[in-house]
Amino acid sequence: MDMKMTSSIASGIAATMAVGAAAYLLSGRSPKARKKQLQRKAGQAIQAVGDVMDGLSTMMK
């Protein structure tokens, strides 16, 4: 994999996360509970993306 493909994958993942977050915000939960769970899920998603990027960079070495 070259760096351009890795960048495309990362931007695709980021776009998917943004769409998912917007859809989640439109669901019918209370704002306080929704905010707390969104923060938790966003942190997990960011960590997962970091793990994927780390794995890709390890494979390229």
PDB file of N, CA and C in Angstrom:
ATOM      1  N   MET A   1       0.845  -1.187   0.000  1.00  0.00           N
ATOM      2  CA  MET A   1       0.000   0.000   0.000  1.00  0.00           C
ATOM      3  C   MET A   1       0.884   1.242   0.000  1.00  0.00           C
ATOM      4  N   ASP A   2       0.507   2.171  -0.817  1.00  0.00           N
ATOM      5  CA  ASP A   2       1.257   3.413  -0.817  1.00  0.00           C
ATOM      6  C   ASP A   2       0.555   4.443   0.064  1.00  0.00           C
ATOM      7  N   MET A   3       1.223   5.550   0.253  1.00  0.00           N
ATOM      8  CA  MET A   3       0.719   6.569   1.170  1.00  0.00           C
ATOM      9  C   MET A   3      -0.578   7.189   0.662  1.00  0.00           C
ATOM     10  N   LYS A   4      -0.735   7.295  -0.673  1.00  0.00           N
ATOM     11  CA  LYS A   4      -1.949   7.883  -1.230  1.00  0.00           C
ATOM     12  C   LYS A   4      -3.167   7.018  -0.898  1.00  0.00           C
ATOM     13  N   MET A   5      -3.013   5.695  -0.984  1.00  0.00           N
ATOM     14  CA  MET A   5      -4.120   4.798  -0.673  1.00  0.00           C
ATOM     15  C   MET A   5      -4.452   4.855   0.813  1.00  0.00           C
ATOM     16  N   THR A   6      -3.423   4.921   1.640  1.00  0.00           N
ATOM     17  CA  THR A   6      -3.634   5.023   3.084  1.00  0.00           C
ATOM     18  C   THR A   6      -4.385   6.302   3.417  1.00  0.00           C
ATOM     19  N   SER A   7      -4.041   7.382   2.743  1.00  0.00           N
ATOM     20  CA  SER A   7      -4.722   8.651   2.962  1.00  0.00           C
ATOM     21  C   SER A   7      -6.181   8.559   2.536  1.00  0.00           C
ATOM     22  N   SER A   8      -6.458   7.873   1.434  1.00  0.00           N
ATOM     23  CA  SER A   8      -7.833   7.696   0.970  1.00  0.00           C
ATOM     24  C   SER A   8      -8.639   6.885   1.975  1.00  0.00           C
ATOM     25  N   ILE A   9      -8.036   5.845   2.509  1.00  0.00           N
ATOM     26  CA  ILE A   9      -8.711   5.019   3.501  1.00  0.00           C
ATOM     27  C   ILE A   9      -9.032   5.837   4.741  1.00  0.00           C
ATOM     28  N   ALA A  10      -8.060   6.624   5.194  1.00  0.00           N
ATOM     29  CA  ALA A  10      -8.263   7.439   6.396  1.00  0.00           C
ATOM     30  C   ALA A  10      -9.363   8.468   6.185  1.00  0.00           C
ATOM     31  N   SER A  11      -9.398   9.111   5.020  1.00  0.00           N
ATOM     32  CA  SER A  11     -10.440  10.111   4.780  1.00  0.00           C
ATOM     33  C   SER A  11     -11.807   9.443   4.644  1.00  0.00           C
ATOM     34  N   GLY A  12     -11.861   8.240   4.095  1.00  0.00           N
ATOM     35  CA  GLY A  12     -13.119   7.502   4.017  1.00  0.00           C
ATOM     36  C   GLY A  12     -13.639   7.138   5.391  1.00  0.00           C
ATOM     37  N   ILE A  13     -12.739   6.710   6.253  1.00  0.00           N
ATOM     38  CA  ILE A  13     -13.127   6.366   7.623  1.00  0.00           C
ATOM     39  C   ILE A  13     -13.627   7.608   8.353  1.00  0.00           C
ATOM     40  N   ALA A  14     -12.943   8.732   8.162  1.00  0.00           N
ATOM     41  CA  ALA A  14     -13.358   9.976   8.824  1.00  0.00           C
ATOM     42  C   ALA A  14     -14.742  10.419   8.345  1.00  0.00           C
ATOM     43  N   ALA A  15     -14.996  10.297   7.048  1.00  0.00           N
ATOM     44  CA  ALA A  15     -16.305  10.674   6.514  1.00  0.00           C
ATOM     45  C   ALA A  15     -17.399   9.762   7.073  1.00  0.00           C
ATOM     46  N   THR A  16     -17.102   8.472   7.164  1.00  0.00           N
ATOM     47  CA  THR A  16     -18.060   7.521   7.711  1.00  0.00           C
ATOM     48  C   THR A  16     -18.364   7.838   9.170  1.00  0.00           C
ATOM     49  N   MET A  17     -17.325   8.179   9.935  1.00  0.00           N
ATOM     50  CA  MET A  17     -17.521   8.541  11.335  1.00  0.00           C
ATOM     51  C   MET A  17     -18.400   9.789  11.454  1.00  0.00           C
ATOM     52  N   ALA A  18     -18.187  10.771  10.571  1.00  0.00           N
ATOM     53  CA  ALA A  18     -18.974  12.005  10.627  1.00  0.00           C
ATOM     54  C   ALA A  18     -20.448  11.730  10.320  1.00  0.00           C
ATOM     55  N   VAL A  19     -20.698  10.906   9.309  1.00  0.00           N
ATOM     56  CA  VAL A  19     -22.080  10.573   8.961  1.00  0.00           C
ATOM     57  C   VAL A  19     -22.736   9.785  10.101  1.00  0.00           C
ATOM     58  N   GLY A  20     -22.003   8.858  10.677  1.00  0.00           N
ATOM     59  CA  GLY A  20     -22.539   8.083  11.791  1.00  0.00           C
ATOM     60  C   GLY A  20     -22.842   8.949  12.997  1.00  0.00           C
ATOM     61  N   ALA A  21     -21.971   9.902  13.279  1.00  0.00           N
ATOM     62  CA  ALA A  21     -22.194  10.796  14.409  1.00  0.00           C
ATOM     63  C   ALA A  21     -23.425  11.668  14.174  1.00  0.00           C
ATOM     64  N   ALA A  22     -23.602  12.150  12.943  1.00  0.00           N
ATOM     65  CA  ALA A  22     -24.766  12.973  12.635  1.00  0.00           C
ATOM     66  C   ALA A  22     -26.055  12.156  12.764  1.00  0.00           C
ATOM     67  N   ALA A  23     -26.032  10.929  12.278  1.00  0.00           N
ATOM     68  CA  ALA A  23     -27.215  10.068  12.386  1.00  0.00           C
ATOM     69  C   ALA A  23     -27.524   9.765  13.850  1.00  0.00           C
ATOM     70  N   TYR A  24     -26.491   9.553  14.620  1.00  0.00           N
ATOM     71  CA  TYR A  24     -26.686   9.264  16.035  1.00  0.00           C
ATOM     72  C   TYR A  24     -27.289  10.464  16.769  1.00  0.00           C
ATOM     73  N   LEU A  25     -26.843  11.662  16.398  1.00  0.00           N
ATOM     74  CA  LEU A  25     -27.379  12.863  17.041  1.00  0.00           C
ATOM     75  C   LEU A  25     -28.862  13.050  16.745  1.00  0.00           C
ATOM     76  N   LEU A  26     -29.319  12.544  15.623  1.00  0.00           N
ATOM     77  CA  LEU A  26     -30.723  12.692  15.263  1.00  0.00           C
ATOM     78  C   LEU A  26     -31.612  11.639  15.917  1.00  0.00           C
ATOM     79  N   SER A  27     -31.007  10.691  16.614  1.00  0.00           N
ATOM     80  CA  SER A  27     -31.820   9.682  17.295  1.00  0.00           C
ATOM     81  C   SER A  27     -32.522  10.312  18.491  1.00  0.00           C
ATOM     82  N   GLY A  28     -33.449   9.595  19.128  1.00  0.00           N
ATOM     83  CA  GLY A  28     -34.336  10.197  20.110  1.00  0.00           C
ATOM     84  C   GLY A  28     -33.916  10.121  21.562  1.00  0.00           C
ATOM     85  N   ARG A  29     -32.662  10.171  21.890  1.00  0.00           N
ATOM     86  CA  ARG A  29     -32.257  10.116  23.297  1.00  0.00           C
ATOM     87  C   ARG A  29     -32.182  11.514  23.904  1.00  0.00           C
ATOM     88  N   SER A  30     -32.087  11.562  25.225  1.00  0.00           N
ATOM     89  CA  SER A  30     -31.933  12.852  25.889  1.00  0.00           C
ATOM     90  C   SER A  30     -30.561  13.436  25.547  1.00  0.00           C
ATOM     91  N   PRO A  31     -30.469  14.739  25.460  1.00  0.00           N
ATOM     92  CA  PRO A  31     -29.216  15.366  25.035  1.00  0.00           C
ATOM     93  C   PRO A  31     -28.011  15.030  25.923  1.00  0.00           C
ATOM     94  N   LYS A  32     -28.224  14.972  27.221  1.00  0.00           N
ATOM     95  CA  LYS A  32     -27.096  14.719  28.124  1.00  0.00           C
ATOM     96  C   LYS A  32     -26.562  13.296  27.952  1.00  0.00           C
ATOM     97  N   ALA A  33     -27.447  12.309  27.908  1.00  0.00           N
ATOM     98  CA  ALA A  33     -27.030  10.918  27.727  1.00  0.00           C
ATOM     99  C   ALA A  33     -26.427  10.726  26.348  1.00  0.00           C
ATOM    100  N   ARG A  34     -26.999  11.380  25.350  1.00  0.00           N
ATOM    101  CA  ARG A  34     -26.495  11.273  23.986  1.00  0.00           C
ATOM    102  C   ARG A  34     -25.078  11.844  23.883  1.00  0.00           C
ATOM    103  N   LYS A  35     -24.850  12.987  24.515  1.00  0.00           N
ATOM    104  CA  LYS A  35     -23.536  13.624  24.466  1.00  0.00           C
ATOM    105  C   LYS A  35     -22.483  12.737  25.121  1.00  0.00           C
ATOM    106  N   LYS A  36     -22.826  12.176  26.255  1.00  0.00           N
ATOM    107  CA  LYS A  36     -21.873  11.334  26.975  1.00  0.00           C
ATOM    108  C   LYS A  36     -21.528  10.080  26.174  1.00  0.00           C
ATOM    109  N   GLN A  37     -22.542   9.440  25.607  1.00  0.00           N
ATOM    110  CA  GLN A  37     -22.277   8.231  24.826  1.00  0.00           C
ATOM    111  C   GLN A  37     -21.549   8.574  23.534  1.00  0.00           C
ATOM    112  N   LEU A  38     -21.872   9.704  22.920  1.00  0.00           N
ATOM    113  CA  LEU A  38     -21.191  10.117  21.706  1.00  0.00           C
ATOM    114  C   LEU A  38     -19.709  10.360  21.972  1.00  0.00           C
ATOM    115  N   GLN A  39     -19.389  10.976  23.087  1.00  0.00           N
ATOM    116  CA  GLN A  39     -17.993  11.201  23.440  1.00  0.00           C
ATOM    117  C   GLN A  39     -17.261   9.879  23.619  1.00  0.00           C
ATOM    118  N   ARG A  40     -17.914   8.922  24.275  1.00  0.00           N
ATOM    119  CA  ARG A  40     -17.311   7.620  24.508  1.00  0.00           C
ATOM    120  C   ARG A  40     -17.079   6.892  23.180  1.00  0.00           C
ATOM    121  N   LYS A  41     -18.102   6.878  22.330  1.00  0.00           N
ATOM    122  CA  LYS A  41     -18.006   6.197  21.040  1.00  0.00           C
ATOM    123  C   LYS A  41     -16.989   6.878  20.128  1.00  0.00           C
ATOM    124  N   ALA A  42     -16.928   8.200  20.164  1.00  0.00           N
ATOM    125  CA  ALA A  42     -15.962   8.925  19.340  1.00  0.00           C
ATOM    126  C   ALA A  42     -14.546   8.597  19.779  1.00  0.00           C
ATOM    127  N   GLY A  43     -14.324   8.509  21.071  1.00  0.00           N
ATOM    128  CA  GLY A  43     -13.001   8.129  21.572  1.00  0.00           C
ATOM    129  C   GLY A  43     -12.614   6.731  21.129  1.00  0.00           C
ATOM    130  N   GLN A  44     -13.566   5.812  21.169  1.00  0.00           N
ATOM    131  CA  GLN A  44     -13.281   4.446  20.722  1.00  0.00           C
ATOM    132  C   GLN A  44     -13.003   4.413  19.222  1.00  0.00           C
ATOM    133  N   ALA A  45     -13.749   5.190  18.451  1.00  0.00           N
ATOM    134  CA  ALA A  45     -13.545   5.227  17.004  1.00  0.00           C
ATOM    135  C   ALA A  45     -12.179   5.814  16.653  1.00  0.00           C
ATOM    136  N   ILE A  46     -11.798   6.862  17.340  1.00  0.00           N
ATOM    137  CA  ILE A  46     -10.492   7.477  17.083  1.00  0.00           C
ATOM    138  C   ILE A  46      -9.374   6.505  17.432  1.00  0.00           C
ATOM    139  N   GLN A  47      -9.538   5.783  18.514  1.00  0.00           N
ATOM    140  CA  GLN A  47      -8.528   4.792  18.895  1.00  0.00           C
ATOM    141  C   GLN A  47      -8.463   3.673  17.860  1.00  0.00           C
ATOM    142  N   ALA A  48      -9.601   3.251  17.341  1.00  0.00           N
ATOM    143  CA  ALA A  48      -9.623   2.197  16.327  1.00  0.00           C
ATOM    144  C   ALA A  48      -8.931   2.657  15.043  1.00  0.00           C
ATOM    145  N   VAL A  49      -9.191   3.902  14.633  1.00  0.00           N
ATOM    146  CA  VAL A  49      -8.533   4.437  13.446  1.00  0.00           C
ATOM    147  C   VAL A  49      -7.022   4.506  13.668  1.00  0.00           C
ATOM    148  N   GLY A  50      -6.617   4.912  14.847  1.00  0.00           N
ATOM    149  CA  GLY A  50      -5.186   4.949  15.163  1.00  0.00           C
ATOM    150  C   GLY A  50      -4.567   3.564  15.104  1.00  0.00           C
ATOM    151  N   ASP A  51      -5.275   2.562  15.591  1.00  0.00           N
ATOM    152  CA  ASP A  51      -4.768   1.196  15.531  1.00  0.00           C
ATOM    153  C   ASP A  51      -4.638   0.712  14.094  1.00  0.00           C
ATOM    154  N   VAL A  52      -5.623   1.055  13.255  1.00  0.00           N
ATOM    155  CA  VAL A  52      -5.562   0.666  11.848  1.00  0.00           C
ATOM    156  C   VAL A  52      -4.384   1.341  11.163  1.00  0.00           C
ATOM    157  N   MET A  53      -4.208   2.623  11.406  1.00  0.00           N
ATOM    158  CA  MET A  53      -3.094   3.352  10.786  1.00  0.00           C
ATOM    159  C   MET A  53      -1.755   2.797  11.262  1.00  0.00           C
ATOM    160  N   ASP A  54      -1.679   2.444  12.531  1.00  0.00           N
ATOM    161  CA  ASP A  54      -0.453   1.858  13.064  1.00  0.00           C
ATOM    162  C   ASP A  54      -0.169   0.517  12.394  1.00  0.00           C
ATOM    163  N   GLY A  55      -1.210  -0.278  12.231  1.00  0.00           N
ATOM    164  CA  GLY A  55      -1.043  -1.569  11.556  1.00  0.00           C
ATOM    165  C   GLY A  55      -0.620  -1.408  10.108  1.00  0.00           C
ATOM    166  N   LEU A  56      -1.212  -0.430   9.412  1.00  0.00           N
ATOM    167  CA  LEU A  56      -0.826  -0.185   8.020  1.00  0.00           C
ATOM    168  C   LEU A  56       0.628   0.266   7.921  1.00  0.00           C
ATOM    169  N   SER A  57       1.031   1.138   8.820  1.00  0.00           N
ATOM    170  CA  SER A  57       2.416   1.612   8.766  1.00  0.00           C
ATOM    171  C   SER A  57       3.391   0.494   9.105  1.00  0.00           C
ATOM    172  N   THR A  58       2.986  -0.408   9.983  1.00  0.00           N
ATOM    173  CA  THR A  58       3.838  -1.552  10.304  1.00  0.00           C
ATOM    174  C   THR A  58       3.966  -2.481   9.099  1.00  0.00           C
ATOM    175  N   MET A  59       2.875  -2.685   8.367  1.00  0.00           N
ATOM    176  CA  MET A  59       2.916  -3.544   7.189  1.00  0.00           C
ATOM    177  C   MET A  59       3.789  -2.955   6.089  1.00  0.00           C
ATOM    178  N   MET A  60       3.866  -1.631   6.010  1.00  0.00           N
ATOM    179  CA  MET A  60       4.656  -0.980   4.962  1.00  0.00           C
ATOM    180  C   MET A  60       6.145  -1.048   5.218  1.00  0.00           C
ATOM    181  N   LYS A  61       6.525  -1.302   6.451  1.00  0.00           N
ATOM    182  CA  LYS A  61       7.954  -1.341   6.794  1.00  0.00           C
ATOM    183  C   LYS A  61       8.612  -2.576   6.264  1.00  0.00           C
TER     184      LYS A  61
END
